Amino acid sequence: MLCVFVGGPQLQALAGMLAATPEFSTRYPVHTFYFPSEFVPYGGVPPAGPDWALLVTAEESVGAPPGCTRIFVPELHFAGYAPPEIPGLAAALSRRDVAAACRAVNNPNSFSLSSLLSNARASLAAMRRRELAPDCLPVSDFVSDNYLSSLLFHTPDRPTNALLVECARRLLLRAGAPGAVAAPVRELLGDLCLPPPPCVYLRLGMAFDYPRYVVAGRPMGTYDAMLEFVGARGSEALGRAEFAPLELQAAPGRHACR
């Protein structure tokens, strides 16, 4: 009896984890229908077969056939690491001013603590609302409890392996096949990583090691990342030393955001 995954990159990452977990794959061989995003176009899913035992989907409109258990995994999206707009960054990028873009990103006073807490709480509340749908597999509690101590998102819609492993573990339990999920060797959705701006990292007292930018699978510091974003590689007016990756320590104390 098959476990069928219908969705985009997030669900495909989960499918790969569970396919590599013997406690699951020996009981439910994994089959996937892949789409470029987590949203499935109308008519994009072939008719269900009689061998479908589990349907895991990120799209509310995709239903399960009779006798098949449906598990809804809403899009994993969290903006607590990424405030809506970094002051001065968009203008600097539009001018192709790499130095100004670096200064905007690295400004330790870009946001107040209250605005950052409000942003994180609003994003957690939106995640909880998505989890009100029928057959949902909730993970907002894990995000709320751990986003300050562990990096859980590379970008607002690219969860790290730490969160994907927890989702896979919960899927195992829901499917009645509990077991250990091994963390992949590489970050499955880590070909792009936009670290929290230093102001966010320090004011919220994040305790994980400060990550580097990753663009197209290549780790880099702030200066090289801004070059990529403005398309100005090869036309640097300043050296990289002034904008070397910040060696940050978590700020003492942590401000809970639940």
C-alpha atoms as a PDB file:
ATOM      1  CA  MET A   1       0.000   0.000   0.000  1.00  0.00           C
ATOM      2  CA  LEU A   2       1.447   3.323  -1.101  1.00  0.00           C
ATOM      3  CA  CYS A   3       2.049   6.585   0.691  1.00  0.00           C
ATOM      4  CA  VAL A   4       1.484   9.285  -1.911  1.00  0.00           C
ATOM      5  CA  PHE A   5       2.991  12.758  -1.499  1.00  0.00           C
ATOM      6  CA  VAL A   6       1.392  15.574  -3.507  1.00  0.00           C
ATOM      7  CA  GLY A   7       3.145  18.927  -3.331  1.00  0.00           C
ATOM      8  CA  GLY A   8       6.262  20.947  -3.927  1.00  0.00           C
ATOM      9  CA  PRO A   9       9.828  21.118  -2.596  1.00  0.00           C
ATOM     10  CA  GLN A  10       8.946  20.933   1.103  1.00  0.00           C
ATOM     11  CA  LEU A  11       6.889  17.763   0.738  1.00  0.00           C
ATOM     12  CA  GLN A  12       9.407  16.242  -1.640  1.00  0.00           C
ATOM     13  CA  ALA A  13      12.070  16.709   1.040  1.00  0.00           C
ATOM     14  CA  LEU A  14       9.816  14.982   3.583  1.00  0.00           C
ATOM     15  CA  ALA A  15       9.092  12.180   1.118  1.00  0.00           C
ATOM     16  CA  GLY A  16      12.802  11.577   0.651  1.00  0.00           C
ATOM     17  CA  MET A  17      13.365  11.389   4.400  1.00  0.00           C
ATOM     18  CA  LEU A  18      10.562   8.889   4.900  1.00  0.00           C
ATOM     19  CA  ALA A  19      11.606   6.808   1.906  1.00  0.00           C
ATOM     20  CA  ALA A  20      14.989   6.440   3.649  1.00  0.00           C
ATOM     21  CA  THR A  21      13.364   5.430   6.954  1.00  0.00           C
ATOM     22  CA  PRO A  22      12.888   1.621   7.003  1.00  0.00           C
ATOM     23  CA  GLU A  23      10.139   1.713   9.655  1.00  0.00           C
ATOM     24  CA  PHE A  24       8.061   3.704   7.187  1.00  0.00           C
ATOM     25  CA  SER A  25       9.121   2.670   3.681  1.00  0.00           C
ATOM     26  CA  THR A  26       8.785  -1.084   4.311  1.00  0.00           C
ATOM     27  CA  ARG A  27       5.196  -0.487   5.336  1.00  0.00           C
ATOM     28  CA  TYR A  28       4.305   2.334   2.935  1.00  0.00           C
ATOM     29  CA  PRO A  29       6.384   2.568  -0.254  1.00  0.00           C
ATOM     30  CA  VAL A  30       6.628   6.239  -1.164  1.00  0.00           C
ATOM     31  CA  HIS A  31       5.279   7.689  -4.409  1.00  0.00           C
ATOM     32  CA  THR A  32       5.367  11.397  -5.257  1.00  0.00           C
ATOM     33  CA  PHE A  33       3.604  13.847  -7.549  1.00  0.00           C
ATOM     34  CA  TYR A  34       5.871  16.870  -7.721  1.00  0.00           C
ATOM     35  CA  PHE A  35       4.919  20.479  -8.460  1.00  0.00           C
ATOM     36  CA  PRO A  36       7.248  23.521  -8.601  1.00  0.00           C
ATOM     37  CA  SER A  37       5.495  25.117  -5.610  1.00  0.00           C
ATOM     38  CA  GLU A  38       3.498  23.802  -2.678  1.00  0.00           C
ATOM     39  CA  PHE A  39       0.293  24.689  -4.544  1.00  0.00           C
ATOM     40  CA  VAL A  40      -1.219  22.032  -6.797  1.00  0.00           C
ATOM     41  CA  PRO A  41      -2.990  23.168  -9.980  1.00  0.00           C
ATOM     42  CA  TYR A  42      -6.573  22.054 -10.588  1.00  0.00           C
ATOM     43  CA  GLY A  43      -6.566  18.640 -12.218  1.00  0.00           C
ATOM     44  CA  GLY A  44      -2.860  18.199 -11.560  1.00  0.00           C
ATOM     45  CA  VAL A  45      -3.225  15.007  -9.517  1.00  0.00           C
ATOM     46  CA  PRO A  46      -4.005  11.786 -11.374  1.00  0.00           C
ATOM     47  CA  PRO A  47      -6.978   9.732 -10.145  1.00  0.00           C
ATOM     48  CA  ALA A  48      -6.222   7.805  -6.970  1.00  0.00           C
ATOM     49  CA  GLY A  49      -5.500   4.115  -7.237  1.00  0.00           C
ATOM     50  CA  PRO A  50      -6.818   1.352  -4.985  1.00  0.00           C
ATOM     51  CA  ASP A  51      -3.347   0.922  -3.506  1.00  0.00           C
ATOM     52  CA  TRP A  52      -3.255   4.417  -1.943  1.00  0.00           C
ATOM     53  CA  ALA A  53      -3.097   3.979   1.845  1.00  0.00           C
ATOM     54  CA  LEU A  54      -1.820   7.433   2.841  1.00  0.00           C
ATOM     55  CA  LEU A  55      -2.092  10.769   1.078  1.00  0.00           C
ATOM     56  CA  VAL A  56       0.226  13.553   2.291  1.00  0.00           C
ATOM     57  CA  THR A  57      -0.545  16.903   0.694  1.00  0.00           C
ATOM     58  CA  ALA A  58       0.200  20.595   1.154  1.00  0.00           C
ATOM     59  CA  GLU A  59      -2.927  21.634  -0.739  1.00  0.00           C
ATOM     60  CA  GLU A  60      -6.264  21.812   1.079  1.00  0.00           C
ATOM     61  CA  SER A  61      -8.258  21.085  -2.078  1.00  0.00           C
ATOM     62  CA  VAL A  62      -6.624  17.698  -2.660  1.00  0.00           C
ATOM     63  CA  GLY A  63      -8.786  15.018  -1.050  1.00  0.00           C
ATOM     64  CA  ALA A  64      -8.188  11.363  -0.329  1.00  0.00           C
ATOM     65  CA  PRO A  65     -10.129   8.505  -1.935  1.00  0.00           C
ATOM     66  CA  PRO A  66     -12.248   6.172   0.227  1.00  0.00           C
ATOM     67  CA  GLY A  67     -10.129   4.020   2.497  1.00  0.00           C
ATOM     68  CA  CYS A  68      -7.104   6.298   2.220  1.00  0.00           C
ATOM     69  CA  THR A  69      -5.904   8.351   5.195  1.00  0.00           C
ATOM     70  CA  ARG A  70      -5.247  12.002   4.375  1.00  0.00           C
ATOM     71  CA  ILE A  71      -2.546  14.044   6.159  1.00  0.00           C
ATOM     72  CA  PHE A  72      -2.476  17.747   5.419  1.00  0.00           C
ATOM     73  CA  VAL A  73       0.912  19.440   5.851  1.00  0.00           C
ATOM     74  CA  PRO A  74       0.378  23.185   5.262  1.00  0.00           C
ATOM     75  CA  GLU A  75       3.162  25.204   3.702  1.00  0.00           C
ATOM     76  CA  LEU A  76       5.920  25.737   6.252  1.00  0.00           C
ATOM     77  CA  HIS A  77       6.343  29.497   6.296  1.00  0.00           C
ATOM     78  CA  PHE A  78       7.805  31.619   9.090  1.00  0.00           C
ATOM     79  CA  ALA A  79       8.913  35.237   8.863  1.00  0.00           C
ATOM     80  CA  GLY A  80      10.282  35.603  12.398  1.00  0.00           C
ATOM     81  CA  TYR A  81      13.861  35.677  11.100  1.00  0.00           C
ATOM     82  CA  ALA A  82      13.041  38.134   8.325  1.00  0.00           C
ATOM     83  CA  PRO A  83      11.314  41.463   9.058  1.00  0.00           C
ATOM     84  CA  PRO A  84       9.250  42.783   6.142  1.00  0.00           C
ATOM     85  CA  GLU A  85      11.782  45.377   4.993  1.00  0.00           C
ATOM     86  CA  ILE A  86      15.306  46.242   6.060  1.00  0.00           C
ATOM     87  CA  PRO A  87      15.576  50.065   6.071  1.00  0.00           C
ATOM     88  CA  GLY A  88      17.702  51.292   3.183  1.00  0.00           C
ATOM     89  CA  LEU A  89      18.342  47.886   1.616  1.00  0.00           C
ATOM     90  CA  ALA A  90      15.948  48.051  -1.336  1.00  0.00           C
ATOM     91  CA  ALA A  91      17.184  51.521  -2.293  1.00  0.00           C
ATOM     92  CA  ALA A  92      20.822  50.421  -2.090  1.00  0.00           C
ATOM     93  CA  LEU A  93      20.190  47.353  -4.233  1.00  0.00           C
ATOM     94  CA  SER A  94      18.300  49.395  -6.825  1.00  0.00           C
ATOM     95  CA  ARG A  95      21.330  51.730  -7.048  1.00  0.00           C
ATOM     96  CA  ARG A  96      23.649  48.690  -7.250  1.00  0.00           C
ATOM     97  CA  ASP A  97      25.453  50.171  -4.248  1.00  0.00           C
ATOM     98  CA  VAL A  98      27.035  47.121  -2.614  1.00  0.00           C
ATOM     99  CA  ALA A  99      28.645  49.044   0.252  1.00  0.00           C
ATOM    100  CA  ALA A 100      25.346  50.716   1.207  1.00  0.00           C
ATOM    101  CA  ALA A 101      23.529  47.375   0.994  1.00  0.00           C
ATOM    102  CA  CYS A 102      26.040  45.813   3.383  1.00  0.00           C
ATOM    103  CA  ARG A 103      25.667  48.689   5.825  1.00  0.00           C
ATOM    104  CA  ALA A 104      21.873  48.378   5.706  1.00  0.00           C
ATOM    105  CA  VAL A 105      21.924  44.627   6.355  1.00  0.00           C
ATOM    106  CA  ASN A 106      24.496  44.872   9.151  1.00  0.00           C
ATOM    107  CA  ASN A 107      22.928  47.859  10.935  1.00  0.00           C
ATOM    108  CA  PRO A 108      22.475  46.655  14.550  1.00  0.00           C
ATOM    109  CA  ASN A 109      19.770  49.256  15.210  1.00  0.00           C
ATOM    110  CA  SER A 110      17.433  48.609  12.267  1.00  0.00           C
ATOM    111  CA  PHE A 111      14.526  47.336  14.366  1.00  0.00           C
ATOM    112  CA  SER A 112      13.216  47.722  17.891  1.00  0.00           C
ATOM    113  CA  LEU A 113      12.762  44.689  20.091  1.00  0.00           C
ATOM    114  CA  SER A 114       9.011  45.283  20.246  1.00  0.00           C
ATOM    115  CA  SER A 115       8.675  45.315  16.445  1.00  0.00           C
ATOM    116  CA  LEU A 116      10.661  42.089  16.126  1.00  0.00           C
ATOM    117  CA  LEU A 117       8.574  40.358  18.775  1.00  0.00           C
ATOM    118  CA  SER A 118       5.394  41.562  17.082  1.00  0.00           C
ATOM    119  CA  ASN A 119       6.602  40.286  13.706  1.00  0.00           C
ATOM    120  CA  ALA A 120       7.477  36.843  15.081  1.00  0.00           C
ATOM    121  CA  ARG A 121       4.213  36.538  16.972  1.00  0.00           C
ATOM    122  CA  ALA A 122       2.201  37.501  13.897  1.00  0.00           C
ATOM    123  CA  SER A 123       4.006  34.891  11.820  1.00  0.00           C
ATOM    124  CA  LEU A 124       3.409  32.200  14.458  1.00  0.00           C
ATOM    125  CA  ALA A 125      -0.260  33.182  14.615  1.00  0.00           C
ATOM    126  CA  ALA A 126      -0.556  32.823  10.832  1.00  0.00           C
ATOM    127  CA  MET A 127       1.050  29.388  11.042  1.00  0.00           C
ATOM    128  CA  ARG A 128      -1.455  28.327  13.718  1.00  0.00           C
ATOM    129  CA  ARG A 129      -4.348  29.526  11.554  1.00  0.00           C
ATOM    130  CA  ARG A 130      -3.147  27.386   8.651  1.00  0.00           C
ATOM    131  CA  GLU A 131      -3.100  24.425  11.019  1.00  0.00           C
ATOM    132  CA  LEU A 132      -6.838  24.707  11.726  1.00  0.00           C
ATOM    133  CA  ALA A 133      -7.590  22.852   8.490  1.00  0.00           C
ATOM    134  CA  PRO A 134      -8.902  19.257   8.716  1.00  0.00           C
ATOM    135  CA  ASP A 135      -6.385  16.391   8.917  1.00  0.00           C
ATOM    136  CA  CYS A 136      -3.564  18.857   9.633  1.00  0.00           C
ATOM    137  CA  LEU A 137      -0.156  17.885  10.982  1.00  0.00           C
ATOM    138  CA  PRO A 138       0.762  20.808  13.290  1.00  0.00           C
ATOM    139  CA  VAL A 139       4.348  21.958  13.837  1.00  0.00           C
ATOM    140  CA  SER A 140       3.862  25.559  15.030  1.00  0.00           C
ATOM    141  CA  ASP A 141       4.471  24.472  18.628  1.00  0.00           C
ATOM    142  CA  PHE A 142       7.920  23.170  17.652  1.00  0.00           C
ATOM    143  CA  VAL A 143       8.738  26.386  15.791  1.00  0.00           C
ATOM    144  CA  SER A 144       7.580  28.529  18.708  1.00  0.00           C
ATOM    145  CA  ASP A 145       9.626  26.547  21.215  1.00  0.00           C
ATOM    146  CA  ASN A 146      12.833  26.267  19.177  1.00  0.00           C
ATOM    147  CA  TYR A 147      13.293  29.061  16.632  1.00  0.00           C
ATOM    148  CA  LEU A 148      15.518  31.054  18.999  1.00  0.00           C
ATOM    149  CA  SER A 149      17.794  28.140  19.871  1.00  0.00           C
ATOM    150  CA  SER A 150      17.974  26.450  16.436  1.00  0.00           C
ATOM    151  CA  LEU A 151      17.927  27.811  12.908  1.00  0.00           C
ATOM    152  CA  LEU A 152      14.640  26.431  11.535  1.00  0.00           C
ATOM    153  CA  PHE A 153      14.335  28.341   8.244  1.00  0.00           C
ATOM    154  CA  HIS A 154      16.911  29.272   5.604  1.00  0.00           C
ATOM    155  CA  THR A 155      14.355  31.708   4.149  1.00  0.00           C
ATOM    156  CA  PRO A 156      10.734  32.231   5.189  1.00  0.00           C
ATOM    157  CA  ASP A 157       9.592  29.290   3.030  1.00  0.00           C
ATOM    158  CA  ARG A 158      12.678  27.043   3.151  1.00  0.00           C
ATOM    159  CA  PRO A 159      12.731  25.006   6.363  1.00  0.00           C
ATOM    160  CA  THR A 160      16.045  23.624   7.552  1.00  0.00           C
ATOM    161  CA  ASN A 161      16.669  19.932   8.153  1.00  0.00           C
ATOM    162  CA  ALA A 162      16.066  20.491  11.876  1.00  0.00           C
ATOM    163  CA  LEU A 163      12.409  21.306  11.201  1.00  0.00           C
ATOM    164  CA  LEU A 164      11.991  18.794   8.376  1.00  0.00           C
ATOM    165  CA  VAL A 165      13.223  15.969  10.611  1.00  0.00           C
ATOM    166  CA  GLU A 166      10.655  16.922  13.260  1.00  0.00           C
ATOM    167  CA  CYS A 167       7.898  17.013  10.618  1.00  0.00           C
ATOM    168  CA  ALA A 168       8.969  13.584   9.364  1.00  0.00           C
ATOM    169  CA  ARG A 169       8.958  12.218  12.916  1.00  0.00           C
ATOM    170  CA  ARG A 170       5.413  13.482  13.437  1.00  0.00           C
ATOM    171  CA  LEU A 171       4.345  11.987  10.122  1.00  0.00           C
ATOM    172  CA  LEU A 172       5.690   8.638  11.252  1.00  0.00           C
ATOM    173  CA  LEU A 173       3.637   8.827  14.440  1.00  0.00           C
ATOM    174  CA  ARG A 174       0.484   9.884  12.555  1.00  0.00           C
ATOM    175  CA  ALA A 175       0.956   6.980  10.143  1.00  0.00           C
ATOM    176  CA  GLY A 176       1.307   4.514  13.020  1.00  0.00           C
ATOM    177  CA  ALA A 177       4.889   3.651  12.136  1.00  0.00           C
ATOM    178  CA  PRO A 178       7.032   5.339  14.811  1.00  0.00           C
ATOM    179  CA  GLY A 179      10.746   5.248  14.276  1.00  0.00           C
ATOM    180  CA  ALA A 180      13.901   7.332  14.190  1.00  0.00           C
ATOM    181  CA  VAL A 181      14.366   9.744  11.287  1.00  0.00           C
ATOM    182  CA  ALA A 182      17.987  10.223  10.319  1.00  0.00           C
ATOM    183  CA  ALA A 183      19.023  13.782   9.511  1.00  0.00           C
ATOM    184  CA  PRO A 184      20.283  14.045   5.910  1.00  0.00           C
ATOM    185  CA  VAL A 185      23.957  14.758   5.384  1.00  0.00           C
ATOM    186  CA  ARG A 186      23.241  17.935   3.407  1.00  0.00           C
ATOM    187  CA  GLU A 187      20.628  20.620   3.893  1.00  0.00           C
ATOM    188  CA  LEU A 188      17.802  19.537   1.584  1.00  0.00           C
ATOM    189  CA  LEU A 189      16.462  23.059   0.973  1.00  0.00           C
ATOM    190  CA  GLY A 190      19.657  24.932   1.781  1.00  0.00           C
ATOM    191  CA  ASP A 191      20.744  26.026  -1.699  1.00  0.00           C
ATOM    192  CA  LEU A 192      19.545  29.496  -0.670  1.00  0.00           C
ATOM    193  CA  CYS A 193      20.030  30.834   2.852  1.00  0.00           C
ATOM    194  CA  LEU A 194      19.376  34.397   3.963  1.00  0.00           C
ATOM    195  CA  PRO A 195      20.498  34.625   7.602  1.00  0.00           C
ATOM    196  CA  PRO A 196      18.614  36.769  10.099  1.00  0.00           C
ATOM    197  CA  PRO A 197      19.915  40.335   9.956  1.00  0.00           C
ATOM    198  CA  PRO A 198      22.343  40.938  12.833  1.00  0.00           C
ATOM    199  CA  CYS A 199      19.847  43.245  14.522  1.00  0.00           C
ATOM    200  CA  VAL A 200      17.258  40.435  14.608  1.00  0.00           C
ATOM    201  CA  TYR A 201      19.800  37.851  15.767  1.00  0.00           C
ATOM    202  CA  LEU A 202      21.130  40.018  18.588  1.00  0.00           C
ATOM    203  CA  ARG A 203      17.950  41.677  19.846  1.00  0.00           C
ATOM    204  CA  LEU A 204      16.050  38.376  20.056  1.00  0.00           C
ATOM    205  CA  GLY A 205      19.011  36.654  21.712  1.00  0.00           C
ATOM    206  CA  MET A 206      19.289  33.792  19.234  1.00  0.00           C
ATOM    207  CA  ALA A 207      21.528  31.012  20.496  1.00  0.00           C
ATOM    208  CA  PHE A 208      22.538  29.153  17.319  1.00  0.00           C
ATOM    209  CA  ASP A 209      25.771  29.873  15.456  1.00  0.00           C
ATOM    210  CA  TYR A 210      25.328  32.774  13.079  1.00  0.00           C
ATOM    211  CA  PRO A 211      24.827  31.275   9.590  1.00  0.00           C
ATOM    212  CA  ARG A 212      26.416  32.393   6.359  1.00  0.00           C
ATOM    213  CA  TYR A 213      24.594  33.415   3.233  1.00  0.00           C
ATOM    214  CA  VAL A 214      24.158  30.652   0.670  1.00  0.00           C
ATOM    215  CA  VAL A 215      23.357  31.594  -2.921  1.00  0.00           C
ATOM    216  CA  ALA A 216      22.910  28.900  -5.571  1.00  0.00           C
ATOM    217  CA  GLY A 217      24.444  26.403  -3.159  1.00  0.00           C
ATOM    218  CA  ARG A 218      27.579  28.504  -2.525  1.00  0.00           C
ATOM    219  CA  PRO A 219      28.281  29.747   1.030  1.00  0.00           C
ATOM    220  CA  MET A 220      29.486  33.333   1.158  1.00  0.00           C
ATOM    221  CA  GLY A 221      29.750  36.402   3.325  1.00  0.00           C
ATOM    222  CA  THR A 222      27.588  39.527   3.290  1.00  0.00           C
ATOM    223  CA  TYR A 223      29.638  41.413   0.710  1.00  0.00           C
ATOM    224  CA  ASP A 224      29.637  38.621  -1.859  1.00  0.00           C
ATOM    225  CA  ALA A 225      25.925  37.991  -1.262  1.00  0.00           C
ATOM    226  CA  MET A 226      25.103  41.634  -1.950  1.00  0.00           C
ATOM    227  CA  LEU A 227      27.187  41.435  -5.128  1.00  0.00           C
ATOM    228  CA  GLU A 228      25.071  38.515  -6.236  1.00  0.00           C
ATOM    229  CA  PHE A 229      21.834  40.341  -5.486  1.00  0.00           C
ATOM    230  CA  VAL A 230      22.783  43.468  -7.453  1.00  0.00           C
ATOM    231  CA  GLY A 231      24.431  41.544 -10.273  1.00  0.00           C
ATOM    232  CA  ALA A 232      27.585  43.579  -9.790  1.00  0.00           C
ATOM    233  CA  ARG A 233      30.174  40.817  -9.431  1.00  0.00           C
ATOM    234  CA  GLY A 234      33.448  41.946 -10.942  1.00  0.00           C
ATOM    235  CA  SER A 235      32.734  45.663 -10.487  1.00  0.00           C
ATOM    236  CA  GLU A 236      33.594  45.994  -6.808  1.00  0.00           C
ATOM    237  CA  ALA A 237      34.564  49.479  -5.713  1.00  0.00           C
ATOM    238  CA  LEU A 238      35.511  48.422  -2.189  1.00  0.00           C
ATOM    239  CA  GLY A 239      37.419  45.522  -0.743  1.00  0.00           C
ATOM    240  CA  ARG A 240      35.657  42.820   1.244  1.00  0.00           C
ATOM    241  CA  ALA A 241      37.472  43.398   4.537  1.00  0.00           C
ATOM    242  CA  GLU A 242      35.070  46.080   5.755  1.00  0.00           C
ATOM    243  CA  PHE A 243      32.127  43.767   5.234  1.00  0.00           C
ATOM    244  CA  ALA A 244      33.552  40.413   6.311  1.00  0.00           C
ATOM    245  CA  PRO A 245      30.965  37.992   7.750  1.00  0.00           C
ATOM    246  CA  LEU A 246      30.100  39.060  11.269  1.00  0.00           C
ATOM    247  CA  GLU A 247      31.457  36.881  14.050  1.00  0.00           C
ATOM    248  CA  LEU A 248      28.456  37.173  16.294  1.00  0.00           C
ATOM    249  CA  GLN A 249      27.768  35.777  19.725  1.00  0.00           C
ATOM    250  CA  ALA A 250      24.220  35.319  20.938  1.00  0.00           C
ATOM    251  CA  ALA A 251      23.180  38.252  23.032  1.00  0.00           C
ATOM    252  CA  PRO A 252      22.901  37.479  26.757  1.00  0.00           C
ATOM    253  CA  GLY A 253      19.375  36.618  27.793  1.00  0.00           C
ATOM    254  CA  ARG A 254      16.563  35.504  25.532  1.00  0.00           C
ATOM    255  CA  HIS A 255      13.223  37.112  24.904  1.00  0.00           C
ATOM    256  CA  ALA A 256      10.520  34.471  24.680  1.00  0.00           C
ATOM    257  CA  CYS A 257       8.048  34.801  21.837  1.00  0.00           C
ATOM    258  CA  ARG A 258       5.140  32.409  22.061  1.00  0.00           C
END
